[in-house]
């Protein structure tokens, strides 16, 4: 399993646990559901990319994962700024989300660069 797959899987588990905390203990149901959906989708897209039919398909799946990670970062910030999570909780989950985001940005940039290089006959 690649580093990004491993980290996104661990992040999905963290997101599920965070969702349970928010919904069961803090009775927050709307934002936490959005966080759950986008936070677990990241790893699912990366998993799909492992068996992509082409480099373009791989890039497409990784771009979707990147968009989901970016959206997840948004929900995390919104939960903090509305008082549903404290600064320590925010720092932990946001750090982990940022790590996955950085890896995906790098993968997408590298893949785009490789796809645009001329092929040698």
Protein backbone atom coordinates (compact mmCIF):
# COMPACT_ATOMS: atom_id res chain seq x y z
CA UNK A 1 0.00 0.00 0.00
CA UNK A 2 1.34 3.46 -0.87
CA UNK A 3 1.99 6.18 1.68
CA UNK A 4 -1.00 8.21 0.49
CA UNK A 5 -3.27 5.15 0.65
CA UNK A 6 -2.07 4.33 4.16
CA UNK A 7 -2.45 7.89 5.41
CA UNK A 8 -5.87 8.36 3.78
CA UNK A 9 -7.11 5.09 5.32
CA UNK A 10 -5.92 6.18 8.77
CA UNK A 11 -7.55 9.57 8.17
CA UNK A 12 -10.84 7.86 7.24
CA UNK A 13 -10.77 5.97 10.55
CA UNK A 14 -10.03 9.20 12.38
CA UNK A 15 -12.91 10.89 10.54
CA UNK A 16 -15.35 8.11 11.47
CA UNK A 17 -14.36 8.37 15.13
CA UNK A 18 -14.68 12.14 14.97
CA UNK A 19 -18.13 11.81 13.40
CA UNK A 20 -19.24 9.50 16.23
CA UNK A 21 -18.04 12.04 18.81
CA UNK A 22 -19.78 14.92 17.08
CA UNK A 23 -23.07 13.15 16.48
CA UNK A 24 -23.36 11.13 19.71
CA UNK A 25 -21.85 13.48 22.30
CA UNK A 26 -22.18 16.95 20.79
CA UNK A 27 -25.42 16.33 18.90
CA UNK A 28 -24.08 17.91 15.70
CA UNK A 29 -25.56 16.09 12.72
CA UNK A 30 -25.29 18.23 9.58
CA UNK A 31 -21.66 19.36 9.37
CA UNK A 32 -20.38 16.11 10.85
CA UNK A 33 -22.21 14.10 8.17
CA UNK A 34 -20.55 16.22 5.47
CA UNK A 35 -17.19 15.65 7.13
CA UNK A 36 -17.83 11.91 7.26
CA UNK A 37 -18.79 11.77 3.59
CA UNK A 38 -15.85 13.78 2.24
CA UNK A 39 -13.28 12.47 4.73
CA UNK A 40 -13.93 8.84 3.88
CA UNK A 41 -14.24 9.49 0.15
CA UNK A 42 -10.58 10.51 -0.09
CA UNK A 43 -9.28 7.01 0.57
CA UNK A 44 -11.99 5.41 -1.56
CA UNK A 45 -10.89 7.43 -4.59
CA UNK A 46 -7.24 6.59 -3.94
CA UNK A 47 -8.17 2.90 -3.71
CA UNK A 48 -10.00 3.15 -7.05
CA UNK A 49 -6.94 4.81 -8.59
CA UNK A 50 -4.83 1.75 -7.73
CA UNK A 51 -6.56 -0.10 -10.57
CA UNK A 52 -6.99 2.78 -12.98
CA UNK A 53 -7.41 1.84 -16.62
CA UNK A 54 -4.93 4.46 -17.78
CA UNK A 55 -2.73 7.28 -16.55
CA UNK A 56 -5.52 9.71 -17.39
CA UNK A 57 -7.97 7.64 -15.32
CA UNK A 58 -5.46 7.56 -12.45
CA UNK A 59 -5.11 11.35 -12.64
CA UNK A 60 -8.89 11.76 -12.70
CA UNK A 61 -9.33 9.65 -9.53
CA UNK A 62 -6.51 11.44 -7.74
CA UNK A 63 -8.02 14.79 -8.69
CA UNK A 64 -11.32 13.72 -7.15
CA UNK A 65 -9.48 12.60 -4.00
CA UNK A 66 -7.75 16.00 -3.91
CA UNK A 67 -11.09 17.82 -4.21
CA UNK A 68 -12.55 15.68 -1.41
CA UNK A 69 -9.55 16.43 0.82
CA UNK A 70 -9.92 20.13 0.12
CA UNK A 71 -13.64 19.94 0.97
CA UNK A 72 -12.85 18.03 4.16
CA UNK A 73 -10.47 20.78 5.23
CA UNK A 74 -13.35 23.24 4.75
CA UNK A 75 -15.73 21.23 6.99
CA UNK A 76 -13.05 20.92 9.67
CA UNK A 77 -12.55 24.70 9.69
CA UNK A 78 -16.28 25.29 9.80
CA UNK A 79 -16.67 22.92 12.76
CA UNK A 80 -13.94 24.84 14.61
CA UNK A 81 -15.27 28.28 13.78
CA UNK A 82 -18.78 27.35 14.91
CA UNK A 83 -17.54 25.97 18.23
CA UNK A 84 -18.30 22.29 17.69
CA UNK A 85 -14.62 21.36 18.04
CA UNK A 86 -11.93 22.99 20.13
CA UNK A 87 -8.52 24.20 19.01
CA UNK A 88 -6.71 21.00 20.06
CA UNK A 89 -9.17 18.76 18.19
CA UNK A 90 -8.95 21.06 15.18
CA UNK A 91 -5.15 21.06 15.19
CA UNK A 92 -4.97 17.27 15.26
CA UNK A 93 -7.48 16.47 12.52
CA UNK A 94 -6.53 19.44 10.35
CA UNK A 95 -2.85 18.47 10.48
CA UNK A 96 -3.65 14.96 9.30
CA UNK A 97 -5.93 16.27 6.56
CA UNK A 98 -3.21 18.70 5.42
CA UNK A 99 -0.68 15.85 5.18
CA UNK A 100 -2.99 13.91 2.86
CA UNK A 101 -3.70 17.08 0.86
CA UNK A 102 0.01 17.76 0.35
CA UNK A 103 0.63 14.21 -0.84
CA UNK A 104 -2.29 14.42 -3.28
CA UNK A 105 -1.14 17.78 -4.63
CA UNK A 106 2.29 16.30 -5.28
CA UNK A 107 0.86 13.19 -6.97
CA UNK A 108 -1.46 15.24 -9.18
CA UNK A 109 1.31 17.66 -10.21
CA UNK A 110 3.76 14.85 -10.98
CA UNK A 111 1.18 12.85 -12.92
CA UNK A 112 0.15 15.90 -14.96
CA UNK A 113 3.79 16.62 -15.71
CA UNK A 114 4.45 13.03 -16.80
CA UNK A 115 1.36 12.99 -19.02
CA UNK A 116 2.39 16.19 -20.78
CA UNK A 117 5.93 15.00 -21.58
CA UNK A 118 6.45 13.99 -25.21
CA UNK A 119 6.72 10.26 -25.80
CA UNK A 120 9.98 8.95 -27.23
CA UNK A 121 9.47 6.57 -30.20
